[in-house]
Amino acid sequence: MLLAILYWPLVAYCVSVVALVGVIIFLSHLLGERHEDRATHEVYESGMVATGSSRLRFPSHFYMIAMFFVIFDLETAFIVAWAVAVKELGWAGYVAVLVFIIELAVLLFYIWRTGALDFGPDGKKILAAYHKITKKNNS
């Protein structure tokens, strides 16, 4: 009995949310437009009819850039949150964020040294391909 007294506002809220969503969906179905244009059942982006195939292949470095952006963007959010609470955290928080930034620098150095940031063609590979072509043309 005590549980029912404590949770009745939560139950009332959940029931009202489900009822409101049901009413909105019913009204949109009842009042919504019904038309069959040429492009009604075609996929479109921003009101423009699609042309060509959506199965385009992108080089993997585009995905790497996106992952690096998400990683470093999230870490920026952590550092900003630390900056907001710097007075409450004191020296322990300063040391913690310093270790965090050092880890970020080590990670960035590792990514750079492994070549994950090298998106353009390698100069040595270009020269090797050039020499291969010139040898083939000379012989």
N, C-alpha and C. Protein backbone atom coordinates (compact mmCIF):
# COMPACT_ATOMS: atom_id res chain seq x y z
N MET A 1 0.82 -1.20 0.00
CA MET A 1 0.00 0.00 0.00
C MET A 1 0.87 1.26 0.00
N LEU A 2 1.95 1.21 0.78
CA LEU A 2 2.85 2.35 0.85
C LEU A 2 3.52 2.60 -0.50
N LEU A 3 3.84 1.51 -1.21
CA LEU A 3 4.46 1.63 -2.53
C LEU A 3 3.52 2.32 -3.51
N ALA A 4 2.24 2.00 -3.46
CA ALA A 4 1.26 2.62 -4.36
C ALA A 4 1.13 4.11 -4.06
N ILE A 5 1.22 4.48 -2.82
CA ILE A 5 1.12 5.89 -2.44
C ILE A 5 2.36 6.66 -2.93
N LEU A 6 3.52 6.03 -2.86
CA LEU A 6 4.74 6.71 -3.27
C LEU A 6 4.87 6.84 -4.78
N TYR A 7 4.41 5.85 -5.54
CA TYR A 7 4.64 5.83 -6.98
C TYR A 7 3.46 6.27 -7.83
N TRP A 8 2.37 6.74 -7.24
CA TRP A 8 1.23 7.13 -8.06
C TRP A 8 1.55 8.30 -8.99
N PRO A 9 2.39 9.29 -8.62
CA PRO A 9 2.71 10.34 -9.59
C PRO A 9 3.48 9.80 -10.80
N LEU A 10 4.38 8.85 -10.59
CA LEU A 10 5.13 8.26 -11.70
C LEU A 10 4.20 7.48 -12.62
N VAL A 11 3.29 6.73 -12.07
CA VAL A 11 2.32 5.97 -12.87
C VAL A 11 1.42 6.92 -13.65
N ALA A 12 0.96 7.98 -12.99
CA ALA A 12 0.11 8.95 -13.68
C ALA A 12 0.87 9.63 -14.82
N TYR A 13 2.12 9.95 -14.59
CA TYR A 13 2.94 10.58 -15.63
C TYR A 13 3.11 9.63 -16.82
N CYS A 14 3.45 8.37 -16.56
CA CYS A 14 3.64 7.39 -17.65
C CYS A 14 2.35 7.18 -18.44
N VAL A 15 1.23 7.09 -17.76
CA VAL A 15 -0.06 6.92 -18.45
C VAL A 15 -0.38 8.14 -19.29
N SER A 16 -0.13 9.34 -18.76
CA SER A 16 -0.42 10.55 -19.54
C SER A 16 0.51 10.68 -20.75
N VAL A 17 1.77 10.27 -20.63
CA VAL A 17 2.69 10.32 -21.77
C VAL A 17 2.24 9.35 -22.86
N VAL A 18 1.90 8.13 -22.48
CA VAL A 18 1.44 7.13 -23.47
C VAL A 18 0.14 7.61 -24.12
N ALA A 19 -0.77 8.18 -23.34
CA ALA A 19 -2.02 8.68 -23.91
C ALA A 19 -1.76 9.84 -24.87
N LEU A 20 -0.88 10.76 -24.50
CA LEU A 20 -0.57 11.90 -25.37
C LEU A 20 0.06 11.43 -26.68
N VAL A 21 0.99 10.50 -26.61
CA VAL A 21 1.62 9.98 -27.82
C VAL A 21 0.58 9.28 -28.70
N GLY A 22 -0.30 8.51 -28.10
CA GLY A 22 -1.36 7.85 -28.86
C GLY A 22 -2.28 8.84 -29.55
N VAL A 23 -2.66 9.90 -28.84
CA VAL A 23 -3.53 10.93 -29.45
C VAL A 23 -2.82 11.63 -30.59
N ILE A 24 -1.54 11.96 -30.44
CA ILE A 24 -0.80 12.63 -31.50
C ILE A 24 -0.68 11.75 -32.73
N ILE A 25 -0.37 10.47 -32.54
CA ILE A 25 -0.26 9.55 -33.69
C ILE A 25 -1.61 9.38 -34.37
N PHE A 26 -2.68 9.25 -33.58
CA PHE A 26 -4.01 9.10 -34.18
C PHE A 26 -4.41 10.35 -34.96
N LEU A 27 -4.16 11.55 -34.40
CA LEU A 27 -4.51 12.78 -35.10
C LEU A 27 -3.68 12.99 -36.36
N SER A 28 -2.41 12.62 -36.34
CA SER A 28 -1.60 12.77 -37.54
C SER A 28 -2.06 11.81 -38.62
N HIS A 29 -2.51 10.62 -38.24
CA HIS A 29 -3.05 9.68 -39.22
C HIS A 29 -4.39 10.17 -39.77
N LEU A 30 -5.20 10.74 -38.90
CA LEU A 30 -6.53 11.21 -39.31
C LEU A 30 -6.45 12.48 -40.15
N LEU A 31 -5.59 13.41 -39.79
CA LEU A 31 -5.54 14.70 -40.46
C LEU A 31 -4.43 14.82 -41.51
N GLY A 32 -3.57 13.82 -41.60
CA GLY A 32 -2.44 13.90 -42.52
C GLY A 32 -2.86 13.84 -43.98
N GLU A 33 -2.00 14.38 -44.85
CA GLU A 33 -2.28 14.37 -46.28
C GLU A 33 -2.12 12.98 -46.85
N ARG A 34 -2.93 12.72 -47.86
CA ARG A 34 -2.81 11.47 -48.59
C ARG A 34 -2.71 11.81 -50.06
N HIS A 35 -1.53 11.61 -50.62
CA HIS A 35 -1.34 11.90 -52.04
C HIS A 35 -0.36 10.88 -52.60
N GLU A 36 -0.46 10.66 -53.88
CA GLU A 36 0.40 9.71 -54.57
C GLU A 36 1.08 10.42 -55.73
N ASP A 37 2.16 11.13 -55.45
CA ASP A 37 2.94 11.75 -56.51
C ASP A 37 3.94 10.75 -57.07
N ARG A 38 4.64 11.18 -58.11
CA ARG A 38 5.62 10.31 -58.76
C ARG A 38 6.72 9.89 -57.78
N ALA A 39 7.16 10.80 -56.95
CA ALA A 39 8.28 10.52 -56.04
C ALA A 39 7.83 10.19 -54.63
N THR A 40 6.58 9.83 -54.41
CA THR A 40 6.09 9.58 -53.06
C THR A 40 6.81 8.40 -52.42
N HIS A 41 6.99 7.33 -53.14
CA HIS A 41 7.59 6.12 -52.56
C HIS A 41 9.08 5.99 -52.86
N GLU A 42 9.68 7.03 -53.43
CA GLU A 42 11.11 7.00 -53.69
C GLU A 42 11.87 7.64 -52.52
N VAL A 43 13.08 7.18 -52.33
CA VAL A 43 13.93 7.73 -51.27
C VAL A 43 14.40 9.11 -51.72
N TYR A 44 14.36 10.08 -50.82
CA TYR A 44 14.84 11.41 -51.16
C TYR A 44 15.56 12.03 -49.97
N GLU A 45 16.40 12.98 -50.28
CA GLU A 45 17.17 13.68 -49.27
C GLU A 45 16.90 15.17 -49.41
N SER A 46 16.42 15.79 -48.37
CA SER A 46 16.15 17.23 -48.34
C SER A 46 15.20 17.65 -49.46
N GLY A 47 14.24 16.82 -49.77
CA GLY A 47 13.24 17.16 -50.77
C GLY A 47 13.70 16.96 -52.20
N MET A 48 14.89 16.44 -52.40
CA MET A 48 15.39 16.23 -53.76
C MET A 48 15.34 14.74 -54.08
N VAL A 49 14.87 14.42 -55.27
CA VAL A 49 14.80 13.03 -55.68
C VAL A 49 16.22 12.51 -55.88
N ALA A 50 16.47 11.30 -55.41
CA ALA A 50 17.80 10.72 -55.48
C ALA A 50 18.17 10.36 -56.91
N THR A 51 19.43 10.56 -57.24
CA THR A 51 19.95 10.14 -58.55
C THR A 51 21.17 9.28 -58.31
N GLY A 52 21.33 8.29 -59.12
CA GLY A 52 22.50 7.41 -58.99
C GLY A 52 22.31 6.40 -57.87
N SER A 53 23.41 5.75 -57.53
CA SER A 53 23.38 4.71 -56.50
C SER A 53 23.83 5.27 -55.16
N SER A 54 23.28 4.74 -54.11
CA SER A 54 23.71 5.16 -52.77
C SER A 54 24.84 4.28 -52.26
N ARG A 55 25.26 3.34 -53.05
CA ARG A 55 26.33 2.42 -52.66
C ARG A 55 27.68 2.93 -53.15
N LEU A 56 28.09 4.06 -52.62
CA LEU A 56 29.38 4.62 -52.98
C LEU A 56 30.44 4.12 -52.00
N ARG A 57 31.61 3.85 -52.52
CA ARG A 57 32.71 3.42 -51.66
C ARG A 57 33.58 4.63 -51.34
N PHE A 58 33.82 4.82 -50.06
CA PHE A 58 34.70 5.90 -49.62
C PHE A 58 35.99 5.28 -49.11
N PRO A 59 37.10 5.94 -49.35
CA PRO A 59 38.36 5.44 -48.78
C PRO A 59 38.30 5.41 -47.26
N SER A 60 39.06 4.51 -46.67
CA SER A 60 38.97 4.31 -45.23
C SER A 60 39.46 5.51 -44.43
N HIS A 61 40.27 6.39 -45.02
CA HIS A 61 40.76 7.50 -44.22
C HIS A 61 39.65 8.48 -43.86
N PHE A 62 38.55 8.50 -44.60
CA PHE A 62 37.41 9.33 -44.20
C PHE A 62 36.83 8.84 -42.87
N TYR A 63 36.75 7.52 -42.72
CA TYR A 63 36.25 6.96 -41.48
C TYR A 63 37.24 7.19 -40.34
N MET A 64 38.53 7.12 -40.65
CA MET A 64 39.54 7.37 -39.62
C MET A 64 39.44 8.81 -39.12
N ILE A 65 39.26 9.75 -40.03
CA ILE A 65 39.11 11.14 -39.63
C ILE A 65 37.90 11.30 -38.73
N ALA A 66 36.81 10.65 -39.08
CA ALA A 66 35.58 10.74 -38.27
C ALA A 66 35.81 10.14 -36.88
N MET A 67 36.50 9.01 -36.81
CA MET A 67 36.76 8.40 -35.50
C MET A 67 37.69 9.27 -34.66
N PHE A 68 38.73 9.82 -35.28
CA PHE A 68 39.63 10.70 -34.53
C PHE A 68 38.88 11.93 -34.03
N PHE A 69 37.98 12.46 -34.86
CA PHE A 69 37.22 13.63 -34.44
C PHE A 69 36.36 13.29 -33.23
N VAL A 70 35.67 12.16 -33.27
CA VAL A 70 34.81 11.78 -32.14
C VAL A 70 35.65 11.57 -30.88
N ILE A 71 36.78 10.89 -31.02
CA ILE A 71 37.63 10.62 -29.86
C ILE A 71 38.12 11.93 -29.25
N PHE A 72 38.70 12.80 -30.07
CA PHE A 72 39.27 14.03 -29.52
C PHE A 72 38.19 15.04 -29.13
N ASP A 73 37.04 14.98 -29.75
CA ASP A 73 35.94 15.85 -29.36
C ASP A 73 35.42 15.46 -27.99
N LEU A 74 35.30 14.18 -27.74
CA LEU A 74 34.84 13.70 -26.44
C LEU A 74 35.84 14.07 -25.35
N GLU A 75 37.10 13.97 -25.66
CA GLU A 75 38.11 14.33 -24.68
C GLU A 75 38.09 15.83 -24.39
N THR A 76 37.78 16.62 -25.39
CA THR A 76 37.63 18.06 -25.17
C THR A 76 36.48 18.32 -24.20
N ALA A 77 35.40 17.57 -24.33
CA ALA A 77 34.28 17.73 -23.39
C ALA A 77 34.72 17.40 -21.96
N PHE A 78 35.55 16.37 -21.79
CA PHE A 78 36.05 16.04 -20.46
C PHE A 78 36.91 17.16 -19.90
N ILE A 79 37.76 17.74 -20.73
CA ILE A 79 38.64 18.81 -20.25
C ILE A 79 37.83 20.06 -19.92
N VAL A 80 36.80 20.36 -20.71
CA VAL A 80 35.95 21.52 -20.40
C VAL A 80 35.20 21.28 -19.09
N ALA A 81 34.72 20.07 -18.88
CA ALA A 81 34.04 19.76 -17.61
C ALA A 81 35.00 19.92 -16.44
N TRP A 82 36.26 19.52 -16.61
CA TRP A 82 37.26 19.73 -15.56
C TRP A 82 37.48 21.22 -15.33
N ALA A 83 37.54 22.01 -16.41
CA ALA A 83 37.79 23.44 -16.28
C ALA A 83 36.67 24.13 -15.52
N VAL A 84 35.46 23.64 -15.66
CA VAL A 84 34.33 24.23 -14.95
C VAL A 84 34.43 23.95 -13.45
N ALA A 85 34.91 22.77 -13.10
CA ALA A 85 34.96 22.37 -11.69
C ALA A 85 36.37 22.41 -11.12
N VAL A 86 37.26 23.23 -11.68
CA VAL A 86 38.66 23.21 -11.27
C VAL A 86 38.85 23.62 -9.81
N LYS A 87 38.06 24.57 -9.32
CA LYS A 87 38.22 25.01 -7.93
C LYS A 87 37.83 23.92 -6.94
N GLU A 88 36.77 23.18 -7.25
CA GLU A 88 36.32 22.11 -6.34
C GLU A 88 37.27 20.92 -6.36
N LEU A 89 37.93 20.67 -7.50
CA LEU A 89 38.78 19.49 -7.63
C LEU A 89 40.15 19.68 -7.01
N GLY A 90 40.64 20.89 -7.01
CA GLY A 90 41.93 21.17 -6.38
C GLY A 90 43.09 20.54 -7.14
N TRP A 91 44.17 20.28 -6.38
CA TRP A 91 45.39 19.74 -6.98
C TRP A 91 45.20 18.32 -7.50
N ALA A 92 44.37 17.54 -6.84
CA ALA A 92 44.13 16.17 -7.30
C ALA A 92 43.49 16.18 -8.69
N GLY A 93 42.56 17.09 -8.91
CA GLY A 93 41.95 17.21 -10.22
C GLY A 93 42.92 17.72 -11.26
N TYR A 94 43.82 18.62 -10.84
CA TYR A 94 44.83 19.13 -11.77
C TYR A 94 45.77 18.02 -12.21
N VAL A 95 46.21 17.20 -11.25
CA VAL A 95 47.10 16.08 -11.59
C VAL A 95 46.36 15.08 -12.49
N ALA A 96 45.10 14.83 -12.19
CA ALA A 96 44.33 13.88 -13.00
C ALA A 96 44.19 14.37 -14.44
N VAL A 97 43.86 15.66 -14.63
CA VAL A 97 43.71 16.17 -15.99
C VAL A 97 45.06 16.27 -16.68
N LEU A 98 46.13 16.51 -15.94
CA LEU A 98 47.46 16.53 -16.53
C LEU A 98 47.84 15.13 -17.04
N VAL A 99 47.56 14.10 -16.26
CA VAL A 99 47.80 12.72 -16.71
C VAL A 99 46.94 12.41 -17.93
N PHE A 100 45.71 12.88 -17.93
CA PHE A 100 44.80 12.66 -19.06
C PHE A 100 45.35 13.33 -20.32
N ILE A 101 45.83 14.55 -20.22
CA ILE A 101 46.37 15.26 -21.38
C ILE A 101 47.66 14.60 -21.86
N ILE A 102 48.48 14.12 -20.94
CA ILE A 102 49.70 13.41 -21.34
C ILE A 102 49.34 12.13 -22.09
N GLU A 103 48.32 11.42 -21.60
CA GLU A 103 47.86 10.22 -22.32
C GLU A 103 47.36 10.58 -23.72
N LEU A 104 46.67 11.69 -23.84
CA LEU A 104 46.22 12.14 -25.17
C LEU A 104 47.40 12.44 -26.08
N ALA A 105 48.42 13.09 -25.53
CA ALA A 105 49.60 13.41 -26.34
C ALA A 105 50.32 12.14 -26.77
N VAL A 106 50.43 11.17 -25.86
CA VAL A 106 51.07 9.89 -26.22
C VAL A 106 50.25 9.18 -27.28
N LEU A 107 48.93 9.19 -27.15
CA LEU A 107 48.06 8.57 -28.15
C LEU A 107 48.21 9.26 -29.51
N LEU A 108 48.24 10.57 -29.51
CA LEU A 108 48.40 11.30 -30.76
C LEU A 108 49.76 11.01 -31.39
N PHE A 109 50.82 10.94 -30.58
CA PHE A 109 52.14 10.60 -31.09
C PHE A 109 52.15 9.19 -31.67
N TYR A 110 51.50 8.24 -30.99
CA TYR A 110 51.41 6.86 -31.48
C TYR A 110 50.66 6.80 -32.81
N ILE A 111 49.55 7.51 -32.90
CA ILE A 111 48.77 7.53 -34.14
C ILE A 111 49.60 8.12 -35.27
N TRP A 112 50.34 9.18 -34.97
CA TRP A 112 51.18 9.81 -35.99
C TRP A 112 52.30 8.88 -36.44
N ARG A 113 52.97 8.21 -35.48
CA ARG A 113 54.10 7.34 -35.81
C ARG A 113 53.67 6.08 -36.56
N THR A 114 52.47 5.58 -36.31
CA THR A 114 52.01 4.39 -37.02
C THR A 114 51.54 4.72 -38.43
N GLY A 115 51.42 6.00 -38.74
CA GLY A 115 51.02 6.39 -40.09
C GLY A 115 49.53 6.52 -40.30
N ALA A 116 48.78 6.52 -39.21
CA ALA A 116 47.33 6.63 -39.35
C ALA A 116 46.89 8.00 -39.83
N LEU A 117 47.75 9.00 -39.71
CA LEU A 117 47.42 10.34 -40.16
C LEU A 117 47.95 10.65 -41.56
N ASP A 118 48.64 9.68 -42.18
CA ASP A 118 49.18 9.87 -43.52
C ASP A 118 48.13 9.46 -44.55
N PHE A 119 47.42 10.42 -45.08
CA PHE A 119 46.34 10.12 -46.00
C PHE A 119 46.74 10.29 -47.45
N GLY A 120 47.77 11.06 -47.70
CA GLY A 120 48.21 11.27 -49.07
C GLY A 120 49.13 10.15 -49.51
N PRO A 121 49.47 10.14 -50.79
CA PRO A 121 50.37 9.10 -51.28
C PRO A 121 51.79 9.30 -50.75
N ASP A 122 52.47 8.22 -50.52
CA ASP A 122 53.84 8.25 -50.03
C ASP A 122 54.78 8.62 -51.17
N GLY A 123 55.71 9.51 -50.93
CA GLY A 123 56.64 9.96 -51.96
C GLY A 123 57.48 8.84 -52.51
N LYS A 124 57.92 7.91 -51.65
CA LYS A 124 58.74 6.79 -52.12
C LYS A 124 57.94 5.88 -53.05
N LYS A 125 56.67 5.67 -52.73
CA LYS A 125 55.84 4.83 -53.59
C LYS A 125 55.61 5.50 -54.95
N ILE A 126 55.46 6.81 -54.95
CA ILE A 126 55.26 7.53 -56.21
C ILE A 126 56.52 7.42 -57.07
N LEU A 127 57.71 7.59 -56.45
CA LEU A 127 58.95 7.47 -57.21
C LEU A 127 59.17 6.06 -57.73
N ALA A 128 58.84 5.05 -56.91
CA ALA A 128 58.99 3.67 -57.37
C ALA A 128 58.07 3.39 -58.55
N ALA A 129 56.84 3.87 -58.49
CA ALA A 129 55.92 3.68 -59.62
C ALA A 129 56.40 4.43 -60.85
N TYR A 130 56.96 5.62 -60.66
CA TYR A 130 57.49 6.40 -61.78
C TYR A 130 58.67 5.68 -62.45
N HIS A 131 59.59 5.14 -61.63
CA HIS A 131 60.73 4.41 -62.18
C HIS A 131 60.29 3.14 -62.90
N LYS A 132 59.26 2.49 -62.37
CA LYS A 132 58.75 1.28 -63.00
C LYS A 132 58.17 1.62 -64.38
N ILE A 133 57.45 2.71 -64.47
CA ILE A 133 56.85 3.12 -65.75
C ILE A 133 57.92 3.53 -66.74
N THR A 134 58.94 4.28 -66.27
CA THR A 134 59.99 4.72 -67.19
C THR A 134 60.84 3.55 -67.67
N LYS A 135 61.08 2.55 -66.83
CA LYS A 135 61.82 1.36 -67.26
C LYS A 135 61.04 0.60 -68.32
N LYS A 136 59.72 0.50 -68.09
CA LYS A 136 58.87 -0.22 -69.04
C LYS A 136 58.84 0.52 -70.39
N ASN A 137 58.79 1.81 -70.36
CA ASN A 137 58.73 2.59 -71.61
C ASN A 137 60.08 2.61 -72.33
N ASN A 138 61.19 2.55 -71.59
CA ASN A 138 62.52 2.57 -72.19
C ASN A 138 62.90 1.23 -72.80
N SER A 139 62.34 0.15 -72.32
CA SER A 139 62.73 -1.14 -72.86
C SER A 139 61.86 -1.62 -73.98
